[in-house]
């Protein structure tokens, strides 16, 4: 995944820069993983929700590793897909506090 930051994008090219910003938008996956793995957060998740989050995060990371040259829209779609799974789980957890 670090290969993108190490030169897969030519910063002089606008489409490449746009893809880079879209790729960086997927930092959400790392935030979600950090939250999900935090003991305080994990203790508030049901086993089903924890499993669902773990699977969505792992699937997204695998997709990123396999699709580093995806188009901007593909990165955005993948981020939205992860958010559609993680956000309801996290919202439910915060409402239960």
C-alpha atoms as a PDB file:
ATOM      1  CA  UNK A   1       0.000   0.000   0.000  1.00  0.00           C
ATOM      2  CA  UNK A   2       2.916   2.324   0.579  1.00  0.00           C
ATOM      3  CA  UNK A   3       3.956   1.980  -3.045  1.00  0.00           C
ATOM      4  CA  UNK A   4       1.366   4.565  -4.004  1.00  0.00           C
ATOM      5  CA  UNK A   5       2.995   7.172  -1.817  1.00  0.00           C
ATOM      6  CA  UNK A   6       6.421   6.126  -3.064  1.00  0.00           C
ATOM      7  CA  UNK A   7       5.938   7.046  -6.689  1.00  0.00           C
ATOM      8  CA  UNK A   8       3.054   5.263  -8.351  1.00  0.00           C
ATOM      9  CA  UNK A   9       1.521   8.698  -8.823  1.00  0.00           C
ATOM     10  CA  UNK A  10       3.006  11.455 -10.904  1.00  0.00           C
ATOM     11  CA  UNK A  11       2.179  14.653  -9.053  1.00  0.00           C
ATOM     12  CA  UNK A  12       2.353  16.644 -12.260  1.00  0.00           C
ATOM     13  CA  UNK A  13      -0.692  14.812 -13.587  1.00  0.00           C
ATOM     14  CA  UNK A  14      -4.085  16.026 -12.388  1.00  0.00           C
ATOM     15  CA  UNK A  15      -5.836  12.618 -12.735  1.00  0.00           C
ATOM     16  CA  UNK A  16      -3.085  11.018 -10.659  1.00  0.00           C
ATOM     17  CA  UNK A  17      -3.396  13.683  -7.999  1.00  0.00           C
ATOM     18  CA  UNK A  18      -7.163  13.178  -7.926  1.00  0.00           C
ATOM     19  CA  UNK A  19      -6.659   9.416  -7.474  1.00  0.00           C
ATOM     20  CA  UNK A  20      -4.181  10.071  -4.673  1.00  0.00           C
ATOM     21  CA  UNK A  21      -6.685  12.212  -2.798  1.00  0.00           C
ATOM     22  CA  UNK A  22      -9.347   9.532  -3.270  1.00  0.00           C
ATOM     23  CA  UNK A  23      -6.901   6.869  -2.058  1.00  0.00           C
ATOM     24  CA  UNK A  24      -6.063   8.947   0.986  1.00  0.00           C
ATOM     25  CA  UNK A  25      -9.792   9.217   1.647  1.00  0.00           C
ATOM     26  CA  UNK A  26      -9.618   5.538   2.458  1.00  0.00           C
ATOM     27  CA  UNK A  27      -7.642   6.388   5.589  1.00  0.00           C
ATOM     28  CA  UNK A  28     -11.051   5.692   7.103  1.00  0.00           C
ATOM     29  CA  UNK A  29     -10.156   2.001   6.998  1.00  0.00           C
ATOM     30  CA  UNK A  30      -7.238   2.565   9.328  1.00  0.00           C
ATOM     31  CA  UNK A  31      -9.302   4.713  11.686  1.00  0.00           C
ATOM     32  CA  UNK A  32     -11.990   2.035  11.750  1.00  0.00           C
ATOM     33  CA  UNK A  33      -9.403  -0.661  12.442  1.00  0.00           C
ATOM     34  CA  UNK A  34      -7.898   1.351  15.260  1.00  0.00           C
ATOM     35  CA  UNK A  35     -11.304   1.997  16.819  1.00  0.00           C
ATOM     36  CA  UNK A  36     -12.389  -1.614  16.419  1.00  0.00           C
ATOM     37  CA  UNK A  37      -9.189  -2.920  17.992  1.00  0.00           C
ATOM     38  CA  UNK A  38      -9.252  -0.504  20.929  1.00  0.00           C
ATOM     39  CA  UNK A  39     -10.161  -2.537  24.017  1.00  0.00           C
ATOM     40  CA  UNK A  40     -12.622   0.079  25.282  1.00  0.00           C
ATOM     41  CA  UNK A  41     -14.445   0.167  21.948  1.00  0.00           C
ATOM     42  CA  UNK A  42     -14.254  -3.575  21.361  1.00  0.00           C
ATOM     43  CA  UNK A  43     -15.837  -4.278  24.734  1.00  0.00           C
ATOM     44  CA  UNK A  44     -18.912  -2.276  23.679  1.00  0.00           C
ATOM     45  CA  UNK A  45     -19.415  -4.116  20.393  1.00  0.00           C
ATOM     46  CA  UNK A  46     -21.504  -7.246  20.143  1.00  0.00           C
ATOM     47  CA  UNK A  47     -19.573 -10.266  18.862  1.00  0.00           C
ATOM     48  CA  UNK A  48     -21.572 -10.094  15.617  1.00  0.00           C
ATOM     49  CA  UNK A  49     -20.811  -6.395  15.072  1.00  0.00           C
ATOM     50  CA  UNK A  50     -17.142  -6.909  15.932  1.00  0.00           C
ATOM     51  CA  UNK A  51     -16.911  -9.748  13.421  1.00  0.00           C
ATOM     52  CA  UNK A  52     -18.734  -7.702  10.775  1.00  0.00           C
ATOM     53  CA  UNK A  53     -16.342  -4.749  11.297  1.00  0.00           C
ATOM     54  CA  UNK A  54     -13.256  -6.977  11.215  1.00  0.00           C
ATOM     55  CA  UNK A  55     -14.381  -8.589   7.968  1.00  0.00           C
ATOM     56  CA  UNK A  56     -15.211  -5.257   6.312  1.00  0.00           C
ATOM     57  CA  UNK A  57     -11.860  -3.792   7.331  1.00  0.00           C
ATOM     58  CA  UNK A  58      -9.888  -6.832   6.160  1.00  0.00           C
ATOM     59  CA  UNK A  59     -11.800  -6.954   2.873  1.00  0.00           C
ATOM     60  CA  UNK A  60     -11.063  -3.269   2.285  1.00  0.00           C
ATOM     61  CA  UNK A  61      -7.366  -3.675   3.051  1.00  0.00           C
ATOM     62  CA  UNK A  62      -7.135  -6.644   0.691  1.00  0.00           C
ATOM     63  CA  UNK A  63      -8.936  -4.636  -1.996  1.00  0.00           C
ATOM     64  CA  UNK A  64      -6.511  -1.737  -1.499  1.00  0.00           C
ATOM     65  CA  UNK A  65      -3.516  -4.041  -1.812  1.00  0.00           C
ATOM     66  CA  UNK A  66      -4.896  -5.472  -5.057  1.00  0.00           C
ATOM     67  CA  UNK A  67      -6.196  -2.236  -6.591  1.00  0.00           C
ATOM     68  CA  UNK A  68      -3.564   0.399  -5.973  1.00  0.00           C
ATOM     69  CA  UNK A  69      -4.055   1.848  -9.435  1.00  0.00           C
ATOM     70  CA  UNK A  70      -7.835   2.019  -9.207  1.00  0.00           C
ATOM     71  CA  UNK A  71      -9.640   5.114 -10.386  1.00  0.00           C
ATOM     72  CA  UNK A  72     -10.810   7.860  -8.038  1.00  0.00           C
ATOM     73  CA  UNK A  73     -14.404   6.673  -8.190  1.00  0.00           C
ATOM     74  CA  UNK A  74     -13.398   3.132  -7.238  1.00  0.00           C
ATOM     75  CA  UNK A  75     -11.564   4.377  -4.126  1.00  0.00           C
ATOM     76  CA  UNK A  76     -14.548   6.523  -3.183  1.00  0.00           C
ATOM     77  CA  UNK A  77     -16.967   3.633  -3.713  1.00  0.00           C
ATOM     78  CA  UNK A  78     -14.851   1.369  -1.529  1.00  0.00           C
ATOM     79  CA  UNK A  79     -14.707   3.995   1.221  1.00  0.00           C
ATOM     80  CA  UNK A  80     -18.488   4.413   1.074  1.00  0.00           C
ATOM     81  CA  UNK A  81     -18.921   0.642   1.220  1.00  0.00           C
ATOM     82  CA  UNK A  82     -16.825   0.412   4.383  1.00  0.00           C
ATOM     83  CA  UNK A  83     -18.567   3.403   5.923  1.00  0.00           C
ATOM     84  CA  UNK A  84     -21.975   1.836   5.225  1.00  0.00           C
ATOM     85  CA  UNK A  85     -20.961  -1.116   7.390  1.00  0.00           C
ATOM     86  CA  UNK A  86     -18.912   0.621  10.090  1.00  0.00           C
ATOM     87  CA  UNK A  87     -20.915   3.796  10.701  1.00  0.00           C
ATOM     88  CA  UNK A  88     -24.143   2.081  11.858  1.00  0.00           C
ATOM     89  CA  UNK A  89     -22.155  -0.176  14.183  1.00  0.00           C
ATOM     90  CA  UNK A  90     -20.217   2.721  15.671  1.00  0.00           C
ATOM     91  CA  UNK A  91     -23.361   4.863  15.966  1.00  0.00           C
ATOM     92  CA  UNK A  92     -25.134   2.056  17.792  1.00  0.00           C
ATOM     93  CA  UNK A  93     -22.169   1.706  20.120  1.00  0.00           C
ATOM     94  CA  UNK A  94     -22.079   5.441  20.930  1.00  0.00           C
ATOM     95  CA  UNK A  95     -25.830   5.558  21.507  1.00  0.00           C
ATOM     96  CA  UNK A  96     -25.485   2.736  24.003  1.00  0.00           C
ATOM     97  CA  UNK A  97     -22.974   4.612  26.138  1.00  0.00           C
END
